[in-house]
Amino acid sequence: SRNGVYMFYADSVKGRFTISRDDTNNKVDLQMGSL
């Protein structure tokens, strides 16, 4: 979400991927694990 409070994930990646945003640097990252 715009304020970074709400996040939704597909079931297939839940627990392995993490989404985050840094509006100071205008970017949204997707950290992917256990690929």
PDB file of all heavy atoms in Angstrom:
ATOM      1  N   SER A   1       0.819  -1.206   0.000  1.00  0.00           N
ATOM      2  CA  SER A   1       0.000   0.000   0.000  1.00  0.00           C
ATOM      3  C   SER A   1       0.857   1.262   0.000  1.00  0.00           C
ATOM      4  O   SER A   1       2.072   1.222   0.205  1.00  0.00           O
ATOM      5  CB  SER A   1      -0.907   0.002   1.239  1.00  0.00           C
ATOM      6  OG  SER A   1      -0.110   0.043   2.424  1.00  0.00           O
ATOM      7  N   ARG A   2       0.192   2.383  -0.186  1.00  0.00           N
ATOM      8  CA  ARG A   2       0.882   3.663  -0.294  1.00  0.00           C
ATOM      9  C   ARG A   2       1.676   3.992   0.958  1.00  0.00           C
ATOM     10  O   ARG A   2       2.735   4.578   0.895  1.00  0.00           O
ATOM     11  CB  ARG A   2      -0.120   4.773  -0.586  1.00  0.00           C
ATOM     12  CG  ARG A   2      -0.816   4.587  -1.914  1.00  0.00           C
ATOM     13  CD  ARG A   2      -1.610   5.802  -2.331  1.00  0.00           C
ATOM     14  NE  ARG A   2      -2.819   5.991  -1.560  1.00  0.00           N
ATOM     15  CZ  ARG A   2      -3.803   6.796  -1.940  1.00  0.00           C
ATOM     16  NH1 ARG A   2      -3.707   7.456  -3.079  1.00  0.00           N
ATOM     17  NH2 ARG A   2      -4.868   6.951  -1.184  1.00  0.00           N
ATOM     18  N   ASN A   3       1.167   3.639   2.106  1.00  0.00           N
ATOM     19  CA  ASN A   3       1.872   3.960   3.345  1.00  0.00           C
ATOM     20  C   ASN A   3       2.748   2.811   3.825  1.00  0.00           C
ATOM     21  O   ASN A   3       3.367   2.903   4.879  1.00  0.00           O
ATOM     22  CB  ASN A   3       0.869   4.340   4.439  1.00  0.00           C
ATOM     23  CG  ASN A   3      -0.169   3.257   4.662  1.00  0.00           C
ATOM     24  OD1 ASN A   3      -0.030   2.146   4.153  1.00  0.00           O
ATOM     25  ND2 ASN A   3      -1.195   3.568   5.435  1.00  0.00           N
ATOM     26  N   GLY A   4       2.774   1.729   3.074  1.00  0.00           N
ATOM     27  CA  GLY A   4       3.616   0.596   3.429  1.00  0.00           C
ATOM     28  C   GLY A   4       3.075  -0.271   4.544  1.00  0.00           C
ATOM     29  O   GLY A   4       3.758  -1.187   5.005  1.00  0.00           O
ATOM     30  N   VAL A   5       1.852   0.004   4.973  1.00  0.00           N
ATOM     31  CA  VAL A   5       1.290  -0.738   6.106  1.00  0.00           C
ATOM     32  C   VAL A   5       0.674  -2.061   5.663  1.00  0.00           C
ATOM     33  O   VAL A   5       0.787  -3.080   6.343  1.00  0.00           O
ATOM     34  CB  VAL A   5       0.230   0.111   6.831  1.00  0.00           C
ATOM     35  CG1 VAL A   5      -0.487  -0.709   7.895  1.00  0.00           C
ATOM     36  CG2 VAL A   5       0.888   1.347   7.440  1.00  0.00           C
ATOM     37  N   TYR A   6       0.022  -2.023   4.509  1.00  0.00           N
ATOM     38  CA  TYR A   6      -0.666  -3.226   4.039  1.00  0.00           C
ATOM     39  C   TYR A   6       0.111  -3.885   2.913  1.00  0.00           C
ATOM     40  O   TYR A   6       0.586  -3.224   1.995  1.00  0.00           O
ATOM     41  CB  TYR A   6      -2.069  -2.866   3.559  1.00  0.00           C
ATOM     42  CG  TYR A   6      -2.900  -2.217   4.634  1.00  0.00           C
ATOM     43  CD1 TYR A   6      -3.179  -0.847   4.596  1.00  0.00           C
ATOM     44  CD2 TYR A   6      -3.388  -2.962   5.703  1.00  0.00           C
ATOM     45  CE1 TYR A   6      -3.925  -0.256   5.595  1.00  0.00           C
ATOM     46  CE2 TYR A   6      -4.139  -2.365   6.697  1.00  0.00           C
ATOM     47  CZ  TYR A   6      -4.397  -1.012   6.642  1.00  0.00           C
ATOM     48  OH  TYR A   6      -5.137  -0.421   7.633  1.00  0.00           O
ATOM     49  N   MET A   7       0.217  -5.207   2.998  1.00  0.00           N
ATOM     50  CA  MET A   7       0.890  -5.991   1.977  1.00  0.00           C
ATOM     51  C   MET A   7       0.092  -7.257   1.726  1.00  0.00           C
ATOM     52  O   MET A   7      -0.439  -7.852   2.669  1.00  0.00           O
ATOM     53  CB  MET A   7       2.303  -6.358   2.438  1.00  0.00           C
ATOM     54  CG  MET A   7       3.248  -5.165   2.532  1.00  0.00           C
ATOM     55  SD  MET A   7       4.606  -5.452   3.684  1.00  0.00           S
ATOM     56  CE  MET A   7       3.780  -5.088   5.237  1.00  0.00           C
ATOM     57  N   PHE A   8       0.029  -7.656   0.477  1.00  0.00           N
ATOM     58  CA  PHE A   8      -0.602  -8.913   0.113  1.00  0.00           C
ATOM     59  C   PHE A   8       0.385  -9.742  -0.700  1.00  0.00           C
ATOM     60  O   PHE A   8       1.175  -9.177  -1.468  1.00  0.00           O
ATOM     61  CB  PHE A   8      -1.873  -8.675  -0.707  1.00  0.00           C
ATOM     62  CG  PHE A   8      -2.965  -7.969   0.043  1.00  0.00           C
ATOM     63  CD1 PHE A   8      -3.426  -6.737  -0.373  1.00  0.00           C
ATOM     64  CD2 PHE A   8      -3.550  -8.555   1.160  1.00  0.00           C
ATOM     65  CE1 PHE A   8      -4.451  -6.085   0.311  1.00  0.00           C
ATOM     66  CE2 PHE A   8      -4.569  -7.917   1.852  1.00  0.00           C
ATOM     67  CZ  PHE A   8      -5.011  -6.683   1.426  1.00  0.00           C
ATOM     68  N   TYR A   9       0.285 -11.050  -0.535  1.00  0.00           N
ATOM     69  CA  TYR A   9       1.174 -11.949  -1.247  1.00  0.00           C
ATOM     70  C   TYR A   9       0.372 -13.062  -1.903  1.00  0.00           C
ATOM     71  O   TYR A   9      -0.654 -13.505  -1.376  1.00  0.00           O
ATOM     72  CB  TYR A   9       2.183 -12.593  -0.288  1.00  0.00           C
ATOM     73  CG  TYR A   9       3.147 -11.621   0.339  1.00  0.00           C
ATOM     74  CD1 TYR A   9       2.856 -11.016   1.561  1.00  0.00           C
ATOM     75  CD2 TYR A   9       4.352 -11.312  -0.280  1.00  0.00           C
ATOM     76  CE1 TYR A   9       3.742 -10.122   2.140  1.00  0.00           C
ATOM     77  CE2 TYR A   9       5.248 -10.425   0.302  1.00  0.00           C
ATOM     78  CZ  TYR A   9       4.936  -9.835   1.508  1.00  0.00           C
ATOM     79  OH  TYR A   9       5.818  -8.950   2.087  1.00  0.00           O
ATOM     80  N   ALA A  10       0.894 -13.555  -3.011  1.00  0.00           N
ATOM     81  CA  ALA A  10       0.335 -14.780  -3.593  1.00  0.00           C
ATOM     82  C   ALA A  10       0.686 -15.939  -2.681  1.00  0.00           C
ATOM     83  O   ALA A  10       1.745 -15.948  -2.034  1.00  0.00           O
ATOM     84  CB  ALA A  10       0.920 -15.000  -4.984  1.00  0.00           C
ATOM     85  N   ASP A  11      -0.185 -16.923  -2.617  1.00  0.00           N
ATOM     86  CA  ASP A  11       0.065 -18.085  -1.763  1.00  0.00           C
ATOM     87  C   ASP A  11       1.381 -18.779  -2.115  1.00  0.00           C
ATOM     88  O   ASP A  11       2.059 -19.308  -1.232  1.00  0.00           O
ATOM     89  CB  ASP A  11      -1.089 -19.079  -1.878  1.00  0.00           C
ATOM     90  CG  ASP A  11      -2.349 -18.594  -1.187  1.00  0.00           C
ATOM     91  OD1 ASP A  11      -2.266 -17.670  -0.355  1.00  0.00           O
ATOM     92  OD2 ASP A  11      -3.425 -19.146  -1.484  1.00  0.00           O
ATOM     93  N   SER A  12       1.720 -18.757  -3.378  1.00  0.00           N
ATOM     94  CA  SER A  12       2.907 -19.473  -3.831  1.00  0.00           C
ATOM     95  C   SER A  12       4.217 -18.869  -3.326  1.00  0.00           C
ATOM     96  O   SER A  12       5.255 -19.531  -3.338  1.00  0.00           O
ATOM     97  CB  SER A  12       2.930 -19.527  -5.359  1.00  0.00           C
ATOM     98  OG  SER A  12       2.945 -18.213  -5.897  1.00  0.00           O
ATOM     99  N   VAL A  13       4.164 -17.614  -2.871  1.00  0.00           N
ATOM    100  CA  VAL A  13       5.399 -16.961  -2.411  1.00  0.00           C
ATOM    101  C   VAL A  13       5.329 -16.573  -0.936  1.00  0.00           C
ATOM    102  O   VAL A  13       6.333 -16.116  -0.373  1.00  0.00           O
ATOM    103  CB  VAL A  13       5.729 -15.717  -3.258  1.00  0.00           C
ATOM    104  CG1 VAL A  13       5.755 -16.070  -4.736  1.00  0.00           C
ATOM    105  CG2 VAL A  13       4.755 -14.580  -2.997  1.00  0.00           C
ATOM    106  N   LYS A  14       4.181 -16.737  -0.335  1.00  0.00           N
ATOM    107  CA  LYS A  14       4.012 -16.323   1.060  1.00  0.00           C
ATOM    108  C   LYS A  14       5.019 -17.055   1.948  1.00  0.00           C
ATOM    109  O   LYS A  14       5.184 -18.268   1.866  1.00  0.00           O
ATOM    110  CB  LYS A  14       2.578 -16.625   1.495  1.00  0.00           C
ATOM    111  CG  LYS A  14       2.093 -15.822   2.677  1.00  0.00           C
ATOM    112  CD  LYS A  14       0.612 -16.051   2.901  1.00  0.00           C
ATOM    113  CE  LYS A  14      -0.227 -15.491   1.786  1.00  0.00           C
ATOM    114  NZ  LYS A  14      -1.680 -15.632   2.038  1.00  0.00           N
ATOM    115  N   GLY A  15       5.694 -16.289   2.793  1.00  0.00           N
ATOM    116  CA  GLY A  15       6.699 -16.869   3.672  1.00  0.00           C
ATOM    117  C   GLY A  15       8.085 -16.938   3.060  1.00  0.00           C
ATOM    118  O   GLY A  15       9.070 -17.170   3.775  1.00  0.00           O
ATOM    119  N   ARG A  16       8.171 -16.735   1.745  1.00  0.00           N
ATOM    120  CA  ARG A  16       9.483 -16.776   1.071  1.00  0.00           C
ATOM    121  C   ARG A  16       9.876 -15.401   0.530  1.00  0.00           C
ATOM    122  O   ARG A  16      11.063 -15.073   0.468  1.00  0.00           O
ATOM    123  CB  ARG A  16       9.451 -17.771  -0.093  1.00  0.00           C
ATOM    124  CG  ARG A  16       9.149 -19.189   0.315  1.00  0.00           C
ATOM    125  CD  ARG A  16       9.358 -20.158  -0.852  1.00  0.00           C
ATOM    126  NE  ARG A  16       8.466 -19.882  -1.972  1.00  0.00           N
ATOM    127  CZ  ARG A  16       8.889 -19.617  -3.218  1.00  0.00           C
ATOM    128  NH1 ARG A  16      10.185 -19.584  -3.493  1.00  0.00           N
ATOM    129  NH2 ARG A  16       8.020 -19.398  -4.181  1.00  0.00           N
ATOM    130  N   PHE A  17       8.890 -14.621   0.119  1.00  0.00           N
ATOM    131  CA  PHE A  17       9.145 -13.300  -0.470  1.00  0.00           C
ATOM    132  C   PHE A  17       8.657 -12.217   0.483  1.00  0.00           C
ATOM    133  O   PHE A  17       7.659 -12.391   1.188  1.00  0.00           O
ATOM    134  CB  PHE A  17       8.408 -13.152  -1.794  1.00  0.00           C
ATOM    135  CG  PHE A  17       8.909 -14.005  -2.924  1.00  0.00           C
ATOM    136  CD1 PHE A  17       9.828 -15.028  -2.722  1.00  0.00           C
ATOM    137  CD2 PHE A  17       8.445 -13.781  -4.216  1.00  0.00           C
ATOM    138  CE1 PHE A  17      10.281 -15.808  -3.768  1.00  0.00           C
ATOM    139  CE2 PHE A  17       8.884 -14.553  -5.277  1.00  0.00           C
ATOM    140  CZ  PHE A  17       9.798 -15.568  -5.049  1.00  0.00           C
ATOM    141  N   THR A  18       9.346 -11.086   0.448  1.00  0.00           N
ATOM    142  CA  THR A  18       8.943  -9.928   1.243  1.00  0.00           C
ATOM    143  C   THR A  18       9.007  -8.681   0.390  1.00  0.00           C
ATOM    144  O   THR A  18      10.039  -8.409  -0.238  1.00  0.00           O
ATOM    145  CB  THR A  18       9.863  -9.755   2.465  1.00  0.00           C
ATOM    146  OG1 THR A  18       9.831 -10.931   3.269  1.00  0.00           O
ATOM    147  CG2 THR A  18       9.409  -8.570   3.304  1.00  0.00           C
ATOM    148  N   ILE A  19       7.920  -7.934   0.385  1.00  0.00           N
ATOM    149  CA  ILE A  19       7.884  -6.665  -0.343  1.00  0.00           C
ATOM    150  C   ILE A  19       8.069  -5.524   0.644  1.00  0.00           C
ATOM    151  O   ILE A  19       7.570  -5.577   1.771  1.00  0.00           O
ATOM    152  CB  ILE A  19       6.560  -6.524  -1.133  1.00  0.00           C
ATOM    153  CG1 ILE A  19       6.622  -5.325  -2.077  1.00  0.00           C
ATOM    154  CG2 ILE A  19       5.358  -6.450  -0.207  1.00  0.00           C
ATOM    155  CD1 ILE A  19       5.431  -5.264  -3.049  1.00  0.00           C
ATOM    156  N   SER A  20       8.792  -4.505   0.223  1.00  0.00           N
ATOM    157  CA  SER A  20       9.007  -3.346   1.083  1.00  0.00           C
ATOM    158  C   SER A  20       9.165  -2.106   0.213  1.00  0.00           C
ATOM    159  O   SER A  20       9.474  -2.210  -0.976  1.00  0.00           O
ATOM    160  CB  SER A  20      10.247  -3.540   1.949  1.00  0.00           C
ATOM    161  OG  SER A  20      11.408  -3.674   1.145  1.00  0.00           O
ATOM    162  N   ARG A  21       8.947  -0.950   0.804  1.00  0.00           N
ATOM    163  CA  ARG A  21       9.094   0.281   0.037  1.00  0.00           C
ATOM    164  C   ARG A  21       9.900   1.310   0.806  1.00  0.00           C
ATOM    165  O   ARG A  21       9.854   1.365   2.039  1.00  0.00           O
ATOM    166  CB  ARG A  21       7.732   0.838  -0.370  1.00  0.00           C
ATOM    167  CG  ARG A  21       6.852   1.348   0.718  1.00  0.00           C
ATOM    168  CD  ARG A  21       5.466   1.731   0.144  1.00  0.00           C
ATOM    169  NE  ARG A  21       5.564   2.775  -0.862  1.00  0.00           N
ATOM    170  CZ  ARG A  21       4.659   2.966  -1.830  1.00  0.00           C
ATOM    171  NH1 ARG A  21       3.600   2.168  -1.909  1.00  0.00           N
ATOM    172  NH2 ARG A  21       4.810   3.943  -2.705  1.00  0.00           N
ATOM    173  N   ASP A  22      10.618   2.113   0.060  1.00  0.00           N
ATOM    174  CA  ASP A  22      11.430   3.182   0.619  1.00  0.00           C
ATOM    175  C   ASP A  22      11.099   4.418  -0.196  1.00  0.00           C
ATOM    176  O   ASP A  22      11.708   4.678  -1.242  1.00  0.00           O
ATOM    177  CB  ASP A  22      12.912   2.808   0.507  1.00  0.00           C
ATOM    178  CG  ASP A  22      13.839   3.909   0.990  1.00  0.00           C
ATOM    179  OD1 ASP A  22      13.341   4.985   1.373  1.00  0.00           O
ATOM    180  OD2 ASP A  22      15.057   3.700   0.981  1.00  0.00           O
ATOM    181  N   ASP A  23      10.142   5.192   0.279  1.00  0.00           N
ATOM    182  CA  ASP A  23       9.691   6.348  -0.484  1.00  0.00           C
ATOM    183  C   ASP A  23      10.712   7.487  -0.482  1.00  0.00           C
ATOM    184  O   ASP A  23      10.662   8.356  -1.346  1.00  0.00           O
ATOM    185  CB  ASP A  23       8.346   6.835   0.052  1.00  0.00           C
ATOM    186  CG  ASP A  23       7.220   5.872  -0.278  1.00  0.00           C
ATOM    187  OD1 ASP A  23       7.260   5.269  -1.371  1.00  0.00           O
ATOM    188  OD2 ASP A  23       6.304   5.707   0.552  1.00  0.00           O
ATOM    189  N   THR A  24      11.611   7.472   0.452  1.00  0.00           N
ATOM    190  CA  THR A  24      12.680   8.477   0.437  1.00  0.00           C
ATOM    191  C   THR A  24      13.537   8.308  -0.806  1.00  0.00           C
ATOM    192  O   THR A  24      13.970   9.283  -1.433  1.00  0.00           O
ATOM    193  CB  THR A  24      13.549   8.360   1.693  1.00  0.00           C
ATOM    194  OG1 THR A  24      12.745   8.585   2.844  1.00  0.00           O
ATOM    195  CG2 THR A  24      14.696   9.363   1.650  1.00  0.00           C
ATOM    196  N   ASN A  25      13.774   7.037  -1.159  1.00  0.00           N
ATOM    197  CA  ASN A  25      14.586   6.735  -2.326  1.00  0.00           C
ATOM    198  C   ASN A  25      13.756   6.262  -3.516  1.00  0.00           C
ATOM    199  O   ASN A  25      14.313   5.810  -4.518  1.00  0.00           O
ATOM    200  CB  ASN A  25      15.633   5.680  -1.969  1.00  0.00           C
ATOM    201  CG  ASN A  25      16.664   6.217  -1.000  1.00  0.00           C
ATOM    202  OD1 ASN A  25      17.344   7.201  -1.280  1.00  0.00           O
ATOM    203  ND2 ASN A  25      16.770   5.603   0.171  1.00  0.00           N
ATOM    204  N   ASN A  26      12.427   6.386  -3.386  1.00  0.00           N
ATOM    205  CA  ASN A  26      11.514   6.079  -4.494  1.00  0.00           C
ATOM    206  C   ASN A  26      11.724   4.679  -5.060  1.00  0.00           C
ATOM    207  O   ASN A  26      11.896   4.493  -6.275  1.00  0.00           O
ATOM    208  CB  ASN A  26      11.671   7.110  -5.615  1.00  0.00           C
ATOM    209  CG  ASN A  26      11.260   8.489  -5.168  1.00  0.00           C
ATOM    210  OD1 ASN A  26      10.342   8.656  -4.378  1.00  0.00           O
ATOM    211  ND2 ASN A  26      11.960   9.498  -5.649  1.00  0.00           N
ATOM    212  N   LYS A  27      11.695   3.693  -4.192  1.00  0.00           N
ATOM    213  CA  LYS A  27      11.853   2.340  -4.690  1.00  0.00           C
ATOM    214  C   LYS A  27      11.036   1.357  -3.865  1.00  0.00           C
ATOM    215  O   LYS A  27      10.725   1.602  -2.697  1.00  0.00           O
ATOM    216  CB  LYS A  27      13.322   1.927  -4.686  1.00  0.00           C
ATOM    217  CG  LYS A  27      13.945   1.802  -3.318  1.00  0.00           C
ATOM    218  CD  LYS A  27      15.340   1.187  -3.438  1.00  0.00           C
ATOM    219  CE  LYS A  27      15.915   0.906  -2.046  1.00  0.00           C
ATOM    220  NZ  LYS A  27      17.135   0.061  -2.116  1.00  0.00           N
ATOM    221  N   VAL A  28      10.692   0.266  -4.519  1.00  0.00           N
ATOM    222  CA  VAL A  28      10.003  -0.854  -3.873  1.00  0.00           C
ATOM    223  C   VAL A  28      10.806  -2.107  -4.161  1.00  0.00           C
ATOM    224  O   VAL A  28      11.084  -2.407  -5.323  1.00  0.00           O
ATOM    225  CB  VAL A  28       8.565  -0.990  -4.391  1.00  0.00           C
ATOM    226  CG1 VAL A  28       7.926  -2.268  -3.849  1.00  0.00           C
ATOM    227  CG2 VAL A  28       7.743   0.228  -4.001  1.00  0.00           C
ATOM    228  N   ASP A  29      11.185  -2.816  -3.138  1.00  0.00           N
ATOM    229  CA  ASP A  29      12.005  -4.016  -3.282  1.00  0.00           C
ATOM    230  C   ASP A  29      11.180  -5.275  -3.082  1.00  0.00           C
ATOM    231  O   ASP A  29      10.171  -5.274  -2.365  1.00  0.00           O
ATOM    232  CB  ASP A  29      13.149  -4.009  -2.270  1.00  0.00           C
ATOM    233  CG  ASP A  29      14.216  -2.986  -2.610  1.00  0.00           C
ATOM    234  OD1 ASP A  29      14.184  -2.436  -3.728  1.00  0.00           O
ATOM    235  OD2 ASP A  29      15.073  -2.735  -1.751  1.00  0.00           O
ATOM    236  N   LEU A  30      11.660  -6.333  -3.701  1.00  0.00           N
ATOM    237  CA  LEU A  30      11.087  -7.660  -3.493  1.00  0.00           C
ATOM    238  C   LEU A  30      12.230  -8.581  -3.103  1.00  0.00           C
ATOM    239  O   LEU A  30      13.066  -8.925  -3.942  1.00  0.00           O
ATOM    240  CB  LEU A  30      10.396  -8.167  -4.761  1.00  0.00           C
ATOM    241  CG  LEU A  30       9.687  -9.504  -4.615  1.00  0.00           C
ATOM    242  CD1 LEU A  30       8.443  -9.354  -3.720  1.00  0.00           C
ATOM    243  CD2 LEU A  30       9.282 -10.059  -5.982  1.00  0.00           C
ATOM    244  N   GLN A  31      12.276  -8.923  -1.833  1.00  0.00           N
ATOM    245  CA  GLN A  31      13.287  -9.849  -1.344  1.00  0.00           C
ATOM    246  C   GLN A  31      12.752 -11.266  -1.519  1.00  0.00           C
ATOM    247  O   GLN A  31      11.709 -11.614  -0.957  1.00  0.00           O
ATOM    248  CB  GLN A  31      13.601  -9.582   0.128  1.00  0.00           C
ATOM    249  CG  GLN A  31      14.601 -10.531   0.735  1.00  0.00           C
ATOM    250  CD  GLN A  31      15.988 -10.375   0.144  1.00  0.00           C
ATOM    251  OE1 GLN A  31      16.486  -9.268  -0.034  1.00  0.00           O
ATOM    252  NE2 GLN A  31      16.630 -11.500  -0.171  1.00  0.00           N
ATOM    253  N   MET A  32      13.463 -12.077  -2.288  1.00  0.00           N
ATOM    254  CA  MET A  32      13.006 -13.420  -2.604  1.00  0.00           C
ATOM    255  C   MET A  32      13.953 -14.436  -1.966  1.00  0.00           C
ATOM    256  O   MET A  32      15.173 -14.326  -2.125  1.00  0.00           O
ATOM    257  CB  MET A  32      12.959 -13.624  -4.116  1.00  0.00           C
ATOM    258  CG  MET A  32      12.150 -12.555  -4.846  1.00  0.00           C
ATOM    259  SD  MET A  32      11.938 -12.914  -6.595  1.00  0.00           S
ATOM    260  CE  MET A  32      13.639 -12.820  -7.150  1.00  0.00           C
ATOM    261  N   GLY A  33      13.409 -15.397  -1.245  1.00  0.00           N
ATOM    262  CA  GLY A  33      14.203 -16.412  -0.605  1.00  0.00           C
ATOM    263  C   GLY A  33      13.715 -17.806  -0.962  1.00  0.00           C
ATOM    264  O   GLY A  33      12.619 -17.985  -1.492  1.00  0.00           O
ATOM    265  N   SER A  34      14.550 -18.795  -0.667  1.00  0.00           N
ATOM    266  CA  SER A  34      14.207 -20.199  -0.944  1.00  0.00           C
ATOM    267  C   SER A  34      13.668 -20.366  -2.359  1.00  0.00           C
ATOM    268  O   SER A  34      12.617 -20.988  -2.587  1.00  0.00           O
ATOM    269  CB  SER A  34      13.174 -20.694   0.076  1.00  0.00           C
ATOM    270  OG  SER A  34      13.661 -20.565   1.390  1.00  0.00           O
ATOM    271  N   LEU A  35      14.396 -19.813  -3.292  1.00  0.00           N
ATOM    272  CA  LEU A  35      13.913 -19.807  -4.675  1.00  0.00           C
ATOM    273  C   LEU A  35      13.805 -21.215  -5.233  1.00  0.00           C
ATOM    274  O   LEU A  35      14.638 -22.100  -4.943  1.00  0.00           O
ATOM    275  CB  LEU A  35      14.823 -18.938  -5.528  1.00  0.00           C
ATOM    276  CG  LEU A  35      14.605 -17.428  -5.330  1.00  0.00           C
ATOM    277  CD1 LEU A  35      15.773 -16.632  -5.878  1.00  0.00           C
ATOM    278  CD2 LEU A  35      13.302 -16.994  -5.977  1.00  0.00           C
TER     279      LEU A  35
END
